[in-house]
N, C-alpha and C. Protein backbone atom coordinates (compact mmCIF):
# COMPACT_ATOMS: atom_id res chain seq x y z
N MET A 1 18.40 7.70 -4.10
CA MET A 1 17.44 6.71 -4.03
C MET A 1 16.31 7.78 -4.77
N LYS A 2 15.98 7.82 -6.28
CA LYS A 2 14.70 8.51 -6.19
C LYS A 2 13.55 7.04 -6.14
N ILE A 3 12.33 7.85 -6.06
CA ILE A 3 11.48 7.02 -5.55
C ILE A 3 10.42 7.37 -7.31
N HIS A 4 9.72 6.41 -7.72
CA HIS A 4 8.76 5.95 -8.63
C HIS A 4 7.93 5.75 -8.30
N ARG A 5 6.61 5.63 -8.97
CA ARG A 5 5.19 5.05 -8.61
C ARG A 5 5.77 3.50 -9.49
N ASN A 6 4.91 2.70 -8.55
CA ASN A 6 5.24 1.01 -9.23
C ASN A 6 4.04 0.61 -8.46
N ILE A 7 2.83 1.21 -8.09
CA ILE A 7 1.28 0.49 -7.93
C ILE A 7 0.60 1.06 -8.81
N GLY A 8 -0.29 -0.03 -9.60
CA GLY A 8 -1.37 0.54 -10.45
C GLY A 8 -2.94 0.61 -9.99
N LYS A 9 -3.51 0.76 -10.76
CA LYS A 9 -5.04 1.66 -10.79
C LYS A 9 -5.22 0.08 -9.42
N ILE A 10 -5.52 -1.18 -10.15
CA ILE A 10 -6.22 -2.45 -9.42
C ILE A 10 -5.52 -2.86 -7.75
N ASP A 11 -4.05 -2.57 -8.10
CA ASP A 11 -3.21 -2.56 -7.18
C ASP A 11 -3.62 -1.48 -6.20
N LEU A 12 -3.79 -0.45 -6.48
CA LEU A 12 -4.26 0.68 -5.14
C LEU A 12 -6.08 0.25 -4.99
N MET A 13 -6.62 -0.32 -5.63
CA MET A 13 -7.95 -0.16 -4.94
C MET A 13 -7.98 -1.49 -4.04
N ILE A 14 -7.10 -2.67 -4.21
CA ILE A 14 -7.00 -3.59 -3.22
C ILE A 14 -6.24 -3.26 -2.18
N ARG A 15 -5.34 -1.82 -2.19
CA ARG A 15 -4.77 -1.87 -0.69
C ARG A 15 -5.45 -0.86 0.29
N ILE A 16 -6.40 0.03 -0.80
CA ILE A 16 -7.41 0.78 -0.32
C ILE A 16 -8.55 -0.40 0.59
N VAL A 17 -8.81 -1.13 0.31
CA VAL A 17 -10.01 -2.11 0.81
C VAL A 17 -8.98 -2.97 1.66
N VAL A 18 -7.85 -3.23 2.10
CA VAL A 18 -7.01 -3.72 2.94
C VAL A 18 -6.83 -2.59 3.88
N LEU A 19 -6.96 -1.23 3.39
CA LEU A 19 -6.46 -0.37 4.44
C LEU A 19 -7.86 -0.24 5.38
N GLY A 20 -8.91 0.03 5.03
CA GLY A 20 -10.24 -0.37 5.39
C GLY A 20 -10.07 -1.01 6.46
N VAL A 21 -9.76 -2.12 5.77
CA VAL A 21 -9.98 -3.53 7.05
C VAL A 21 -8.99 -3.32 8.10
N ALA A 22 -8.02 -2.74 7.89
CA ALA A 22 -6.97 -2.70 9.03
C ALA A 22 -7.24 -1.79 9.76
N ILE A 23 -8.13 -0.44 9.00
CA ILE A 23 -8.83 0.82 10.35
C ILE A 23 -9.63 -0.44 11.40
N TRP A 24 -10.58 -0.92 10.37
CA TRP A 24 -11.83 -1.92 11.26
C TRP A 24 -11.18 -2.60 12.10
N LEU A 25 -10.12 -3.66 11.90
CA LEU A 25 -9.54 -4.53 12.90
C LEU A 25 -9.15 -3.79 13.91
N GLY A 26 -8.13 -2.62 13.72
CA GLY A 26 -7.74 -1.76 14.60
C GLY A 26 -8.75 -1.25 15.51
N HIS A 27 -9.83 -1.03 15.25
CA HIS A 27 -10.66 -0.30 15.97
C HIS A 27 -11.37 -1.55 17.07
N PHE A 28 -11.63 -2.63 16.22
CA PHE A 28 -12.37 -3.61 16.79
C PHE A 28 -11.24 -4.82 17.90
N VAL A 29 -10.48 -5.24 17.34
CA VAL A 29 -9.57 -6.43 17.64
C VAL A 29 -8.25 -5.82 18.28
N SER A 30 -7.67 -5.33 17.85
CA SER A 30 -6.18 -4.84 18.27
C SER A 30 -5.74 -3.55 18.00
N ALA A 31 -5.22 -2.58 18.47
CA ALA A 31 -4.63 -1.44 17.92
C ALA A 31 -3.28 -1.64 17.15
N TRP A 32 -2.58 -3.06 16.50
CA TRP A 32 -1.53 -2.99 16.07
C TRP A 32 -2.06 -2.94 15.33
N PHE A 33 -3.22 -2.89 14.74
CA PHE A 33 -3.47 -3.11 13.40
C PHE A 33 -3.58 -2.00 12.52
N PHE A 34 -3.76 -0.44 13.57
CA PHE A 34 -3.48 0.68 13.16
C PHE A 34 -2.31 1.18 12.72
N LEU A 35 -1.50 0.66 13.00
CA LEU A 35 0.38 0.71 12.75
C LEU A 35 0.38 -0.04 11.21
N PHE A 36 -0.27 -1.14 10.69
CA PHE A 36 -0.12 -1.45 9.64
C PHE A 36 -1.38 -0.76 8.53
N ALA A 37 -2.47 0.09 9.45
CA ALA A 37 -3.18 0.77 8.22
C ALA A 37 -2.58 2.13 8.01
N LEU A 38 -1.67 2.12 9.27
CA LEU A 38 -0.74 4.04 8.72
C LEU A 38 0.26 3.50 7.72
N TRP A 39 0.81 2.34 7.61
CA TRP A 39 1.73 1.74 6.53
C TRP A 39 1.09 2.10 5.28
N GLU A 40 -0.34 1.24 5.26
CA GLU A 40 -0.70 1.11 3.97
C GLU A 40 -1.18 2.50 3.59
N PHE A 41 -1.84 3.16 4.57
CA PHE A 41 -1.93 4.54 4.13
C PHE A 41 -0.85 5.22 3.31
N PHE A 42 0.34 5.19 3.89
CA PHE A 42 1.39 5.54 3.07
C PHE A 42 1.62 5.11 2.17
N LEU A 43 1.54 4.08 1.52
CA LEU A 43 1.71 3.41 0.33
C LEU A 43 0.72 3.74 -0.73
N VAL A 44 -0.33 3.80 -0.09
CA VAL A 44 -1.68 4.09 -1.04
C VAL A 44 -1.46 5.89 -1.48
N VAL A 45 -0.65 6.69 -0.51
CA VAL A 45 -0.74 8.42 -0.87
C VAL A 45 0.43 8.48 -1.87
N VAL A 46 1.53 7.73 -1.90
CA VAL A 46 2.57 8.18 -2.45
C VAL A 46 2.67 6.97 -3.50
N ARG A 47 1.94 5.71 -3.52
CA ARG A 47 1.77 4.80 -4.82
C ARG A 47 3.05 4.35 -5.10
N TRP A 48 3.86 3.85 -4.21
CA TRP A 48 5.48 3.80 -3.93
C TRP A 48 5.55 2.46 -2.89
N CYS A 49 5.89 1.33 -3.40
CA CYS A 49 6.22 -0.02 -2.42
C CYS A 49 7.32 -0.38 -2.48
N PRO A 50 8.59 -0.23 -1.25
CA PRO A 50 9.09 -0.55 -1.40
C PRO A 50 9.82 -1.64 -1.65
N VAL A 51 9.25 -2.76 -1.26
CA VAL A 51 9.13 -4.32 -1.68
C VAL A 51 8.86 -4.67 -2.70
N TYR A 52 7.91 -3.93 -3.38
CA TYR A 52 8.05 -4.08 -4.78
C TYR A 52 9.16 -3.56 -5.65
N ASP A 53 9.97 -2.33 -5.17
CA ASP A 53 11.00 -1.68 -5.98
C ASP A 53 12.23 -2.92 -5.61
N LEU A 54 12.30 -3.32 -4.53
CA LEU A 54 13.34 -4.44 -4.45
C LEU A 54 13.28 -5.68 -5.12
N PHE A 55 12.17 -6.13 -5.45
CA PHE A 55 12.15 -7.41 -6.31
C PHE A 55 11.74 -6.70 -7.55
N LYS A 56 11.86 -5.44 -8.00
CA LYS A 56 11.57 -5.03 -9.67
C LYS A 56 10.36 -5.25 -9.96
N ILE A 57 9.41 -5.22 -9.28
CA ILE A 57 7.71 -5.31 -9.78
C ILE A 57 7.37 -4.00 -9.72
N ASN A 58 6.47 -4.07 -11.21
CA ASN A 58 5.51 -2.62 -11.33
C ASN A 58 4.31 -3.31 -12.03
N THR A 59 3.03 -2.62 -11.21
CA THR A 59 2.19 -2.78 -11.80
C THR A 59 1.52 -1.95 -12.45
N LEU A 60 2.04 -1.23 -12.31
CA LEU A 60 1.58 0.15 -13.45
C LEU A 60 1.38 -0.32 -15.17
N GLY A 61 1.85 -1.57 -15.25
CA GLY A 61 1.71 -1.78 -16.67
C GLY A 61 2.73 -1.24 -17.50
N GLY A 62 3.89 -1.55 -17.25
CA GLY A 62 5.23 -1.03 -18.16
C GLY A 62 5.66 0.23 -17.66
N LYS A 63 5.13 1.28 -17.61
CA LYS A 63 5.13 2.43 -16.88
C LYS A 63 6.37 2.81 -15.94
N LYS A 64 7.29 3.68 -15.78
CA LYS A 64 8.08 3.27 -15.15
C LYS A 64 8.45 5.02 -14.50
C-alpha cells in the first residue's frame, strides 16, 4: 500500500492546534492525552491520515 498525502494546508493548521492542545492537556490533565498528541504529531509530519484514506477523503484540493 502506497502512502500518499491527503491532508491539506487548512487541515494541517487545525491539526497543529489540536496537537498543541493535546500536549497542554497531557501536561495538566492526563498523560493519556500525550498518546493522542503523539498520534497527531505523526499525522502532521507525514501529512497522511489513514481514516481519510479509508473513506477516500482528500483535503489537498483534488491532488493525489
